[in-house]
Amino acid sequence: MGITKCRRRAKESVWWPTISNDIKKLVEDCSQCVEQRGQRAEPMKMTSLSRGPWLLLGIDIFEIAGQKYIVIQDYFYRFFEVVQLPNTTLTTIIARIKNILAHPYRLPVS
């Protein structure tokens, strides 16, 4: 939980004269606390805008409740589309991406 959260939690139920320093020492010496402290989420990074629609894409596969999906994002409009995957074979993934990109509303405007 970290030093601050441990102190806040202890404040609700116990107190002794050196509690603050004791909690700090306990957290600093705790091997699990040290291990967890190093696993912070990576900061989000902004992506630059593309020169035109559907020229720069972000594609990823994710899973929710045992079901896999593919997400494609256009970096020009910041539009994204999510499609369910029956499996994660390369053939299926390529077919889904081709299907998404083949929609007529995605054709570049000249």
PDB file of N, CA and C in Angstrom:
ATOM      1  N   MET A   1       0.812  -1.203   0.000  1.00  0.00           N
ATOM      2  CA  MET A   1       0.000   0.000   0.000  1.00  0.00           C
ATOM      3  C   MET A   1       0.854   1.265   0.000  1.00  0.00           C
ATOM      4  N   GLY A   2       2.072   1.182   0.422  1.00  0.00           N
ATOM      5  CA  GLY A   2       2.904   2.371   0.516  1.00  0.00           C
ATOM      6  C   GLY A   2       2.843   2.976   1.902  1.00  0.00           C
ATOM      7  N   ILE A   3       3.780   3.855   2.167  1.00  0.00           N
ATOM      8  CA  ILE A   3       3.904   4.450   3.498  1.00  0.00           C
ATOM      9  C   ILE A   3       2.671   5.278   3.867  1.00  0.00           C
ATOM     10  N   THR A   4       2.230   6.132   2.952  1.00  0.00           N
ATOM     11  CA  THR A   4       1.104   7.027   3.252  1.00  0.00           C
ATOM     12  C   THR A   4      -0.172   6.253   3.537  1.00  0.00           C
ATOM     13  N   LYS A   5      -0.471   5.274   2.704  1.00  0.00           N
ATOM     14  CA  LYS A   5      -1.703   4.498   2.909  1.00  0.00           C
ATOM     15  C   LYS A   5      -1.616   3.651   4.175  1.00  0.00           C
ATOM     16  N   CYS A   6      -0.448   3.113   4.476  1.00  0.00           N
ATOM     17  CA  CYS A   6      -0.293   2.326   5.711  1.00  0.00           C
ATOM     18  C   CYS A   6      -0.495   3.215   6.934  1.00  0.00           C
ATOM     19  N   ARG A   7       0.070   4.419   6.887  1.00  0.00           N
ATOM     20  CA  ARG A   7      -0.112   5.342   8.021  1.00  0.00           C
ATOM     21  C   ARG A   7      -1.588   5.709   8.185  1.00  0.00           C
ATOM     22  N   ARG A   8      -2.260   5.989   7.073  1.00  0.00           N
ATOM     23  CA  ARG A   8      -3.677   6.362   7.130  1.00  0.00           C
ATOM     24  C   ARG A   8      -4.507   5.216   7.706  1.00  0.00           C
ATOM     25  N   ARG A   9      -4.210   4.010   7.284  1.00  0.00           N
ATOM     26  CA  ARG A   9      -4.975   2.854   7.776  1.00  0.00           C
ATOM     27  C   ARG A   9      -4.719   2.606   9.261  1.00  0.00           C
ATOM     28  N   ALA A  10      -3.456   2.720   9.669  1.00  0.00           N
ATOM     29  CA  ALA A  10      -3.118   2.499  11.077  1.00  0.00           C
ATOM     30  C   ALA A  10      -3.762   3.565  11.967  1.00  0.00           C
ATOM     31  N   LYS A  11      -3.852   4.790  11.448  1.00  0.00           N
ATOM     32  CA  LYS A  11      -4.432   5.903  12.215  1.00  0.00           C
ATOM     33  C   LYS A  11      -5.872   5.621  12.638  1.00  0.00           C
ATOM     34  N   GLU A  12      -6.575   4.801  11.861  1.00  0.00           N
ATOM     35  CA  GLU A  12      -7.972   4.478  12.159  1.00  0.00           C
ATOM     36  C   GLU A  12      -8.130   3.545  13.356  1.00  0.00           C
ATOM     37  N   SER A  13      -7.047   2.802  13.709  1.00  0.00           N
ATOM     38  CA  SER A  13      -7.246   1.797  14.748  1.00  0.00           C
ATOM     39  C   SER A  13      -6.202   1.770  15.863  1.00  0.00           C
ATOM     40  N   VAL A  14      -4.997   2.240  15.600  1.00  0.00           N
ATOM     41  CA  VAL A  14      -3.943   2.143  16.630  1.00  0.00           C
ATOM     42  C   VAL A  14      -3.097   3.410  16.663  1.00  0.00           C
ATOM     43  N   TRP A  15      -2.315   3.552  17.738  1.00  0.00           N
ATOM     44  CA  TRP A  15      -1.372   4.661  17.843  1.00  0.00           C
ATOM     45  C   TRP A  15      -0.351   4.339  18.912  1.00  0.00           C
ATOM     46  N   TRP A  16       0.883   4.720  18.681  1.00  0.00           N
ATOM     47  CA  TRP A  16       1.934   4.736  19.686  1.00  0.00           C
ATOM     48  C   TRP A  16       2.912   5.830  19.279  1.00  0.00           C
ATOM     49  N   PRO A  17       3.765   6.273  20.164  1.00  0.00           N
ATOM     50  CA  PRO A  17       4.601   7.451  19.907  1.00  0.00           C
ATOM     51  C   PRO A  17       5.464   7.393  18.635  1.00  0.00           C
ATOM     52  N   THR A  18       5.979   6.240  18.262  1.00  0.00           N
ATOM     53  CA  THR A  18       6.877   6.158  17.097  1.00  0.00           C
ATOM     54  C   THR A  18       6.217   5.466  15.902  1.00  0.00           C
ATOM     55  N   ILE A  19       4.890   5.472  15.843  1.00  0.00           N
ATOM     56  CA  ILE A  19       4.173   4.718  14.802  1.00  0.00           C
ATOM     57  C   ILE A  19       4.572   5.157  13.382  1.00  0.00           C
ATOM     58  N   SER A  20       4.709   6.450  13.170  1.00  0.00           N
ATOM     59  CA  SER A  20       5.022   6.945  11.832  1.00  0.00           C
ATOM     60  C   SER A  20       6.371   6.416  11.345  1.00  0.00           C
ATOM     61  N   ASN A  21       7.388   6.501  12.196  1.00  0.00           N
ATOM     62  CA  ASN A  21       8.725   6.004  11.824  1.00  0.00           C
ATOM     63  C   ASN A  21       8.740   4.486  11.707  1.00  0.00           C
ATOM     64  N   ASP A  22       8.006   3.808  12.573  1.00  0.00           N
ATOM     65  CA  ASP A  22       7.954   2.343  12.529  1.00  0.00           C
ATOM     66  C   ASP A  22       7.321   1.863  11.216  1.00  0.00           C
ATOM     67  N   ILE A  23       6.252   2.509  10.795  1.00  0.00           N
ATOM     68  CA  ILE A  23       5.593   2.129   9.530  1.00  0.00           C
ATOM     69  C   ILE A  23       6.529   2.401   8.362  1.00  0.00           C
ATOM     70  N   LYS A  24       7.200   3.563   8.385  1.00  0.00           N
ATOM     71  CA  LYS A  24       8.136   3.897   7.301  1.00  0.00           C
ATOM     72  C   LYS A  24       9.224   2.839   7.191  1.00  0.00           C
ATOM     73  N   LYS A  25       9.807   2.452   8.312  1.00  0.00           N
ATOM     74  CA  LYS A  25      10.872   1.442   8.314  1.00  0.00           C
ATOM     75  C   LYS A  25      10.342   0.091   7.832  1.00  0.00           C
ATOM     76  N   LEU A  26       9.146  -0.285   8.287  1.00  0.00           N
ATOM     77  CA  LEU A  26       8.546  -1.555   7.893  1.00  0.00           C
ATOM     78  C   LEU A  26       8.326  -1.619   6.377  1.00  0.00           C
ATOM     79  N   VAL A  27       7.787  -0.553   5.815  1.00  0.00           N
ATOM     80  CA  VAL A  27       7.513  -0.530   4.373  1.00  0.00           C
ATOM     81  C   VAL A  27       8.819  -0.522   3.574  1.00  0.00           C
ATOM     82  N   GLU A  28       9.803   0.255   4.015  1.00  0.00           N
ATOM     83  CA  GLU A  28      11.083   0.321   3.311  1.00  0.00           C
ATOM     84  C   GLU A  28      11.834  -1.002   3.345  1.00  0.00           C
ATOM     85  N   ASP A  29      11.672  -1.783   4.423  1.00  0.00           N
ATOM     86  CA  ASP A  29      12.365  -3.068   4.567  1.00  0.00           C
ATOM     87  C   ASP A  29      11.568  -4.250   4.027  1.00  0.00           C
ATOM     88  N   CYS A  30      10.329  -4.045   3.628  1.00  0.00           N
ATOM     89  CA  CYS A  30       9.458  -5.127   3.170  1.00  0.00           C
ATOM     90  C   CYS A  30       9.831  -5.534   1.746  1.00  0.00           C
ATOM     91  N   SER A  31      10.199  -6.786   1.538  1.00  0.00           N
ATOM     92  CA  SER A  31      10.618  -7.243   0.211  1.00  0.00           C
ATOM     93  C   SER A  31       9.468  -7.203  -0.797  1.00  0.00           C
ATOM     94  N   GLN A  32       8.259  -7.543  -0.363  1.00  0.00           N
ATOM     95  CA  GLN A  32       7.102  -7.481  -1.271  1.00  0.00           C
ATOM     96  C   GLN A  32       6.794  -6.031  -1.649  1.00  0.00           C
ATOM     97  N   CYS A  33       6.926  -5.112  -0.699  1.00  0.00           N
ATOM     98  CA  CYS A  33       6.664  -3.697  -0.985  1.00  0.00           C
ATOM     99  C   CYS A  33       7.672  -3.171  -2.009  1.00  0.00           C
ATOM    100  N   VAL A  34       8.938  -3.536  -1.838  1.00  0.00           N
ATOM    101  CA  VAL A  34       9.981  -3.099  -2.768  1.00  0.00           C
ATOM    102  C   VAL A  34       9.711  -3.665  -4.159  1.00  0.00           C
ATOM    103  N   GLU A  35       9.316  -4.925  -4.231  1.00  0.00           N
ATOM    104  CA  GLU A  35       9.024  -5.567  -5.521  1.00  0.00           C
ATOM    105  C   GLU A  35       7.845  -4.899  -6.220  1.00  0.00           C
ATOM    106  N   GLN A  36       6.783  -4.611  -5.484  1.00  0.00           N
ATOM    107  CA  GLN A  36       5.599  -3.988  -6.057  1.00  0.00           C
ATOM    108  C   GLN A  36       5.854  -2.533  -6.448  1.00  0.00           C
ATOM    109  N   ARG A  37       6.701  -1.860  -5.716  1.00  0.00           N
ATOM    110  CA  ARG A  37       6.992  -0.456  -5.997  1.00  0.00           C
ATOM    111  C   ARG A  37       7.606  -0.285  -7.379  1.00  0.00           C
ATOM    112  N   GLY A  38       8.371  -1.268  -7.830  1.00  0.00           N
ATOM    113  CA  GLY A  38       9.022  -1.184  -9.131  1.00  0.00           C
ATOM    114  C   GLY A  38       8.105  -1.482 -10.300  1.00  0.00           C
ATOM    115  N   GLN A  39       6.873  -1.914 -10.069  1.00  0.00           N
ATOM    116  CA  GLN A  39       5.971  -2.319 -11.137  1.00  0.00           C
ATOM    117  C   GLN A  39       4.897  -1.263 -11.391  1.00  0.00           C
ATOM    118  N   ARG A  40       5.302  -0.044 -11.569  1.00  0.00           N
ATOM    119  CA  ARG A  40       4.337   1.020 -11.834  1.00  0.00           C
ATOM    120  C   ARG A  40       3.963   1.015 -13.306  1.00  0.00           C
ATOM    121  N   ALA A  41       2.776   1.489 -13.589  1.00  0.00           N
ATOM    122  CA  ALA A  41       2.299   1.528 -14.963  1.00  0.00           C
ATOM    123  C   ALA A  41       3.137   2.519 -15.771  1.00  0.00           C
ATOM    124  N   GLU A  42       3.389   2.147 -17.012  1.00  0.00           N
ATOM    125  CA  GLU A  42       4.151   3.017 -17.895  1.00  0.00           C
ATOM    126  C   GLU A  42       3.303   4.240 -18.241  1.00  0.00           C
ATOM    127  N   PRO A  43       3.903   5.426 -18.248  1.00  0.00           N
ATOM    128  CA  PRO A  43       3.111   6.620 -18.549  1.00  0.00           C
ATOM    129  C   PRO A  43       2.616   6.613 -19.990  1.00  0.00           C
ATOM    130  N   MET A  44       1.447   7.177 -20.187  1.00  0.00           N
ATOM    131  CA  MET A  44       0.891   7.242 -21.534  1.00  0.00           C
ATOM    132  C   MET A  44       1.660   8.279 -22.346  1.00  0.00           C
ATOM    133  N   LYS A  45       1.835   7.985 -23.627  1.00  0.00           N
ATOM    134  CA  LYS A  45       2.544   8.892 -24.518  1.00  0.00           C
ATOM    135  C   LYS A  45       1.600   9.335 -25.616  1.00  0.00           C
ATOM    136  N   MET A  46       1.640  10.608 -25.926  1.00  0.00           N
ATOM    137  CA  MET A  46       0.826  11.144 -27.009  1.00  0.00           C
ATOM    138  C   MET A  46       1.428  10.715 -28.343  1.00  0.00           C
ATOM    139  N   THR A  47       0.565  10.403 -29.284  1.00  0.00           N
ATOM    140  CA  THR A  47       1.018  10.095 -30.634  1.00  0.00           C
ATOM    141  C   THR A  47       0.799  11.319 -31.504  1.00  0.00           C
ATOM    142  N   SER A  48       1.670  11.477 -32.481  1.00  0.00           N
ATOM    143  CA  SER A  48       1.511  12.616 -33.373  1.00  0.00           C
ATOM    144  C   SER A  48       0.398  12.330 -34.380  1.00  0.00           C
ATOM    145  N   LEU A  49      -0.170  13.389 -34.915  1.00  0.00           N
ATOM    146  CA  LEU A  49      -1.219  13.232 -35.918  1.00  0.00           C
ATOM    147  C   LEU A  49      -0.622  12.741 -37.227  1.00  0.00           C
ATOM    148  N   SER A  50      -1.383  11.960 -37.923  1.00  0.00           N
ATOM    149  CA  SER A  50      -0.985  11.458 -39.229  1.00  0.00           C
ATOM    150  C   SER A  50      -1.187  12.567 -40.269  1.00  0.00           C
ATOM    151  N   ARG A  51      -0.535  12.433 -41.426  1.00  0.00           N
ATOM    152  CA  ARG A  51      -0.702  13.418 -42.505  1.00  0.00           C
ATOM    153  C   ARG A  51      -2.059  13.296 -43.182  1.00  0.00           C
ATOM    154  N   GLY A  52      -2.728  12.164 -43.002  1.00  0.00           N
ATOM    155  CA  GLY A  52      -4.026  11.968 -43.623  1.00  0.00           C
ATOM    156  C   GLY A  52      -4.741  10.783 -43.000  1.00  0.00           C
ATOM    157  N   PRO A  53      -6.035  10.613 -43.321  1.00  0.00           N
ATOM    158  CA  PRO A  53      -6.795   9.509 -42.724  1.00  0.00           C
ATOM    159  C   PRO A  53      -6.290   8.147 -43.181  1.00  0.00           C
ATOM    160  N   TRP A  54      -6.227   7.228 -42.241  1.00  0.00           N
ATOM    161  CA  TRP A  54      -5.882   5.831 -42.455  1.00  0.00           C
ATOM    162  C   TRP A  54      -4.475   5.628 -43.027  1.00  0.00           C
ATOM    163  N   LEU A  55      -3.572   6.598 -42.765  1.00  0.00           N
ATOM    164  CA  LEU A  55      -2.174   6.440 -43.174  1.00  0.00           C
ATOM    165  C   LEU A  55      -1.315   5.902 -42.030  1.00  0.00           C
ATOM    166  N   LEU A  56      -1.705   6.233 -40.803  1.00  0.00           N
ATOM    167  CA  LEU A  56      -0.992   5.760 -39.624  1.00  0.00           C
ATOM    168  C   LEU A  56      -2.008   5.128 -38.684  1.00  0.00           C
ATOM    169  N   LEU A  57      -1.812   3.839 -38.403  1.00  0.00           N
ATOM    170  CA  LEU A  57      -2.773   3.086 -37.589  1.00  0.00           C
ATOM    171  C   LEU A  57      -2.083   2.476 -36.374  1.00  0.00           C
ATOM    172  N   GLY A  58      -2.857   2.287 -35.325  1.00  0.00           N
ATOM    173  CA  GLY A  58      -2.435   1.500 -34.177  1.00  0.00           C
ATOM    174  C   GLY A  58      -3.327   0.270 -34.122  1.00  0.00           C
ATOM    175  N   ILE A  59      -2.720  -0.910 -33.994  1.00  0.00           N
ATOM    176  CA  ILE A  59      -3.490  -2.157 -33.983  1.00  0.00           C
ATOM    177  C   ILE A  59      -3.045  -2.981 -32.777  1.00  0.00           C
ATOM    178  N   ASP A  60      -4.021  -3.534 -32.057  1.00  0.00           N
ATOM    179  CA  ASP A  60      -3.691  -4.360 -30.896  1.00  0.00           C
ATOM    180  C   ASP A  60      -4.768  -5.419 -30.715  1.00  0.00           C
ATOM    181  N   ILE A  61      -4.406  -6.485 -30.027  1.00  0.00           N
ATOM    182  CA  ILE A  61      -5.342  -7.565 -29.692  1.00  0.00           C
ATOM    183  C   ILE A  61      -5.471  -7.574 -28.174  1.00  0.00           C
ATOM    184  N   PHE A  62      -6.708  -7.704 -27.676  1.00  0.00           N
ATOM    185  CA  PHE A  62      -6.917  -7.770 -26.238  1.00  0.00           C
ATOM    186  C   PHE A  62      -7.988  -8.801 -25.937  1.00  0.00           C
ATOM    187  N   GLU A  63      -8.103  -9.138 -24.659  1.00  0.00           N
ATOM    188  CA  GLU A  63      -9.057 -10.171 -24.226  1.00  0.00           C
ATOM    189  C   GLU A  63      -9.883  -9.644 -23.063  1.00  0.00           C
ATOM    190  N   ILE A  64     -11.191  -9.883 -23.133  1.00  0.00           N
ATOM    191  CA  ILE A  64     -12.102  -9.568 -22.027  1.00  0.00           C
ATOM    192  C   ILE A  64     -13.000 -10.780 -21.827  1.00  0.00           C
ATOM    193  N   ALA A  65     -13.059 -11.271 -20.611  1.00  0.00           N
ATOM    194  CA  ALA A  65     -13.912 -12.409 -20.243  1.00  0.00           C
ATOM    195  C   ALA A  65     -13.709 -13.596 -21.177  1.00  0.00           C
ATOM    196  N   GLY A  66     -12.461 -13.875 -21.513  1.00  0.00           N
ATOM    197  CA  GLY A  66     -12.149 -15.043 -22.339  1.00  0.00           C
ATOM    198  C   GLY A  66     -12.376 -14.855 -23.826  1.00  0.00           C
ATOM    199  N   GLN A  67     -12.863 -13.713 -24.250  1.00  0.00           N
ATOM    200  CA  GLN A  67     -13.114 -13.453 -25.671  1.00  0.00           C
ATOM    201  C   GLN A  67     -12.073 -12.463 -26.198  1.00  0.00           C
ATOM    202  N   LYS A  68     -11.488 -12.784 -27.343  1.00  0.00           N
ATOM    203  CA  LYS A  68     -10.446 -11.937 -27.919  1.00  0.00           C
ATOM    204  C   LYS A  68     -11.032 -10.961 -28.935  1.00  0.00           C
ATOM    205  N   TYR A  69     -10.409  -9.779 -28.988  1.00  0.00           N
ATOM    206  CA  TYR A  69     -10.838  -8.707 -29.882  1.00  0.00           C
ATOM    207  C   TYR A  69      -9.612  -8.077 -30.526  1.00  0.00           C
ATOM    208  N   ILE A  70      -9.834  -7.426 -31.655  1.00  0.00           N
ATOM    209  CA  ILE A  70      -8.790  -6.623 -32.275  1.00  0.00           C
ATOM    210  C   ILE A  70      -9.306  -5.190 -32.301  1.00  0.00           C
ATOM    211  N   VAL A  71      -8.418  -4.244 -31.986  1.00  0.00           N
ATOM    212  CA  VAL A  71      -8.765  -2.823 -32.031  1.00  0.00           C
ATOM    213  C   VAL A  71      -7.807  -2.146 -33.001  1.00  0.00           C
ATOM    214  N   ILE A  72      -8.374  -1.312 -33.864  1.00  0.00           N
ATOM    215  CA  ILE A  72      -7.588  -0.545 -34.828  1.00  0.00           C
ATOM    216  C   ILE A  72      -7.937   0.919 -34.624  1.00  0.00           C
ATOM    217  N   GLN A  73      -6.901   1.761 -34.522  1.00  0.00           N
ATOM    218  CA  GLN A  73      -7.134   3.189 -34.349  1.00  0.00           C
ATOM    219  C   GLN A  73      -6.465   3.960 -35.480  1.00  0.00           C
ATOM    220  N   ASP A  74      -7.217   4.887 -36.052  1.00  0.00           N
ATOM    221  CA  ASP A  74      -6.699   5.807 -37.053  1.00  0.00           C
ATOM    222  C   ASP A  74      -6.142   7.020 -36.309  1.00  0.00           C
ATOM    223  N   TYR A  75      -4.846   7.330 -36.494  1.00  0.00           N
ATOM    224  CA  TYR A  75      -4.214   8.423 -35.763  1.00  0.00           C
ATOM    225  C   TYR A  75      -4.543   9.802 -36.339  1.00  0.00           C
ATOM    226  N   PHE A  76      -5.219   9.867 -37.474  1.00  0.00           N
ATOM    227  CA  PHE A  76      -5.606  11.157 -38.029  1.00  0.00           C
ATOM    228  C   PHE A  76      -6.871  11.673 -37.350  1.00  0.00           C
ATOM    229  N   TYR A  77      -7.921  10.869 -37.385  1.00  0.00           N
ATOM    230  CA  TYR A  77      -9.193  11.256 -36.766  1.00  0.00           C
ATOM    231  C   TYR A  77      -9.309  10.815 -35.316  1.00  0.00           C
ATOM    232  N   ARG A  78      -8.378   9.958 -34.868  1.00  0.00           N
ATOM    233  CA  ARG A  78      -8.429   9.352 -33.529  1.00  0.00           C
ATOM    234  C   ARG A  78      -9.629   8.414 -33.402  1.00  0.00           C
ATOM    235  N   PHE A  79     -10.110   7.949 -34.527  1.00  0.00           N
ATOM    236  CA  PHE A  79     -11.237   7.015 -34.591  1.00  0.00           C
ATOM    237  C   PHE A  79     -10.707   5.605 -34.321  1.00  0.00           C
ATOM    238  N   PHE A  80     -11.478   4.780 -33.634  1.00  0.00           N
ATOM    239  CA  PHE A  80     -11.067   3.396 -33.445  1.00  0.00           C
ATOM    240  C   PHE A  80     -12.244   2.462 -33.702  1.00  0.00           C
ATOM    241  N   GLU A  81     -11.904   1.221 -34.023  1.00  0.00           N
ATOM    242  CA  GLU A  81     -12.915   0.197 -34.260  1.00  0.00           C
ATOM    243  C   GLU A  81     -12.479  -1.089 -33.571  1.00  0.00           C
ATOM    244  N   VAL A  82     -13.432  -1.767 -32.935  1.00  0.00           N
ATOM    245  CA  VAL A  82     -13.174  -3.012 -32.220  1.00  0.00           C
ATOM    246  C   VAL A  82     -13.981  -4.123 -32.877  1.00  0.00           C
ATOM    247  N   VAL A  83     -13.319  -5.258 -33.150  1.00  0.00           N
ATOM    248  CA  VAL A  83     -13.971  -6.397 -33.795  1.00  0.00           C
ATOM    249  C   VAL A  83     -13.633  -7.657 -33.006  1.00  0.00           C
ATOM    250  N   GLN A  84     -14.623  -8.490 -32.784  1.00  0.00           N
ATOM    251  CA  GLN A  84     -14.428  -9.746 -32.069  1.00  0.00           C
ATOM    252  C   GLN A  84     -13.696 -10.743 -32.966  1.00  0.00           C
ATOM    253  N   LEU A  85     -12.797 -11.521 -32.362  1.00  0.00           N
ATOM    254  CA  LEU A  85     -12.035 -12.544 -33.087  1.00  0.00           C
ATOM    255  C   LEU A  85     -12.492 -13.937 -32.656  1.00  0.00           C
ATOM    256  N   PRO A  86     -12.849 -14.812 -33.600  1.00  0.00           N
ATOM    257  CA  PRO A  86     -13.193 -16.179 -33.216  1.00  0.00           C
ATOM    258  C   PRO A  86     -11.953 -16.967 -32.776  1.00  0.00           C
ATOM    259  N   ASN A  87     -10.787 -16.589 -33.316  1.00  0.00           N
ATOM    260  CA  ASN A  87      -9.509 -17.187 -32.929  1.00  0.00           C
ATOM    261  C   ASN A  87      -8.410 -16.186 -33.276  1.00  0.00           C
ATOM    262  N   THR A  88      -7.187 -16.500 -32.907  1.00  0.00           N
ATOM    263  CA  THR A  88      -6.095 -15.556 -33.150  1.00  0.00           C
ATOM    264  C   THR A  88      -5.089 -16.096 -34.165  1.00  0.00           C
ATOM    265  N   THR A  89      -5.569 -16.854 -35.113  1.00  0.00           N
ATOM    266  CA  THR A  89      -4.662 -17.300 -36.179  1.00  0.00           C
ATOM    267  C   THR A  89      -4.334 -16.114 -37.071  1.00  0.00           C
ATOM    268  N   LEU A  90      -3.200 -16.159 -37.703  1.00  0.00           N
ATOM    269  CA  LEU A  90      -2.777 -15.067 -38.572  1.00  0.00           C
ATOM    270  C   LEU A  90      -3.763 -14.838 -39.709  1.00  0.00           C
ATOM    271  N   THR A  91      -4.308 -15.913 -40.252  1.00  0.00           N
ATOM    272  CA  THR A  91      -5.281 -15.807 -41.341  1.00  0.00           C
ATOM    273  C   THR A  91      -6.524 -15.036 -40.885  1.00  0.00           C
ATOM    274  N   THR A  92      -7.031 -15.354 -39.722  1.00  0.00           N
ATOM    275  CA  THR A  92      -8.221 -14.676 -39.195  1.00  0.00           C
ATOM    276  C   THR A  92      -7.930 -13.204 -38.928  1.00  0.00           C
ATOM    277  N   ILE A  93      -6.795 -12.918 -38.314  1.00  0.00           N
ATOM    278  CA  ILE A  93      -6.443 -11.534 -37.987  1.00  0.00           C
ATOM    279  C   ILE A  93      -6.304 -10.701 -39.266  1.00  0.00           C
ATOM    280  N   ILE A  94      -5.605 -11.228 -40.262  1.00  0.00           N
ATOM    281  CA  ILE A  94      -5.440 -10.509 -41.530  1.00  0.00           C
ATOM    282  C   ILE A  94      -6.788 -10.283 -42.198  1.00  0.00           C
ATOM    283  N   ALA A  95      -7.645 -11.289 -42.179  1.00  0.00           N
ATOM    284  CA  ALA A  95      -8.965 -11.160 -42.801  1.00  0.00           C
ATOM    285  C   ALA A  95      -9.788 -10.075 -42.108  1.00  0.00           C
ATOM    286  N   ARG A  96      -9.741 -10.013 -40.767  1.00  0.00           N
ATOM    287  CA  ARG A  96     -10.498  -8.995 -40.025  1.00  0.00           C
ATOM    288  C   ARG A  96      -9.965  -7.592 -40.329  1.00  0.00           C
ATOM    289  N   ILE A  97      -8.643  -7.459 -40.386  1.00  0.00           N
ATOM    290  CA  ILE A  97      -8.055  -6.152 -40.687  1.00  0.00           C
ATOM    291  C   ILE A  97      -8.434  -5.717 -42.100  1.00  0.00           C
ATOM    292  N   LYS A  98      -8.347  -6.621 -43.058  1.00  0.00           N
ATOM    293  CA  LYS A  98      -8.730  -6.291 -44.438  1.00  0.00           C
ATOM    294  C   LYS A  98     -10.193  -5.876 -44.507  1.00  0.00           C
ATOM    295  N   ASN A  99     -11.054  -6.578 -43.768  1.00  0.00           N
ATOM    296  CA  ASN A  99     -12.477  -6.260 -43.754  1.00  0.00           C
ATOM    297  C   ASN A  99     -12.718  -4.856 -43.193  1.00  0.00           C
ATOM    298  N   ILE A 100     -12.035  -4.525 -42.111  1.00  0.00           N
ATOM    299  CA  ILE A 100     -12.190  -3.200 -41.500  1.00  0.00           C
ATOM    300  C   ILE A 100     -11.717  -2.114 -42.465  1.00  0.00           C
ATOM    301  N   LEU A 101     -10.563  -2.320 -43.084  1.00  0.00           N
ATOM    302  CA  LEU A 101      -9.985  -1.298 -43.952  1.00  0.00           C
ATOM    303  C   LEU A 101     -10.677  -1.198 -45.311  1.00  0.00           C
ATOM    304  N   ALA A 102     -11.489  -2.181 -45.677  1.00  0.00           N
ATOM    305  CA  ALA A 102     -12.149  -2.182 -46.982  1.00  0.00           C
ATOM    306  C   ALA A 102     -13.454  -1.393 -47.010  1.00  0.00           C
ATOM    307  N   HIS A 103     -13.922  -0.948 -45.857  1.00  0.00           N
ATOM    308  CA  HIS A 103     -15.177  -0.178 -45.843  1.00  0.00           C
ATOM    309  C   HIS A 103     -15.021   1.074 -46.685  1.00  0.00           C
ATOM    310  N   PRO A 104     -16.025   1.412 -47.501  1.00  0.00           N
ATOM    311  CA  PRO A 104     -15.925   2.565 -48.402  1.00  0.00           C
ATOM    312  C   PRO A 104     -15.746   3.904 -47.675  1.00  0.00           C
ATOM    313  N   TYR A 105     -16.258   4.029 -46.448  1.00  0.00           N
ATOM    314  CA  TYR A 105     -16.096   5.295 -45.734  1.00  0.00           C
ATOM    315  C   TYR A 105     -14.670   5.524 -45.276  1.00  0.00           C
ATOM    316  N   ARG A 106     -13.796   4.549 -45.447  1.00  0.00           N
ATOM    317  CA  ARG A 106     -12.402   4.702 -45.058  1.00  0.00           C
ATOM    318  C   ARG A 106     -11.503   5.087 -46.224  1.00  0.00           C
ATOM    319  N   LEU A 107     -12.056   5.194 -47.418  1.00  0.00           N
ATOM    320  CA  LEU A 107     -11.241   5.560 -48.565  1.00  0.00           C
ATOM    321  C   LEU A 107     -10.783   7.001 -48.433  1.00  0.00           C
ATOM    322  N   PRO A 108      -9.526   7.278 -48.737  1.00  0.00           N
ATOM    323  CA  PRO A 108      -9.025   8.659 -48.610  1.00  0.00           C
ATOM    324  C   PRO A 108      -9.789   9.604 -49.536  1.00  0.00           C
ATOM    325  N   VAL A 109     -10.030  10.790 -49.063  1.00  0.00           N
ATOM    326  CA  VAL A 109     -10.722  11.812 -49.852  1.00  0.00           C
ATOM    327  C   VAL A 109      -9.672  12.540 -50.683  1.00  0.00           C
ATOM    328  N   SER A 110      -9.925  12.639 -52.014  1.00  0.00           N
ATOM    329  CA  SER A 110      -8.918  13.300 -52.868  1.00  0.00           C
ATOM    330  C   SER A 110      -9.293  14.715 -53.193  1.00  0.00           C
TER     331      SER A 110
END
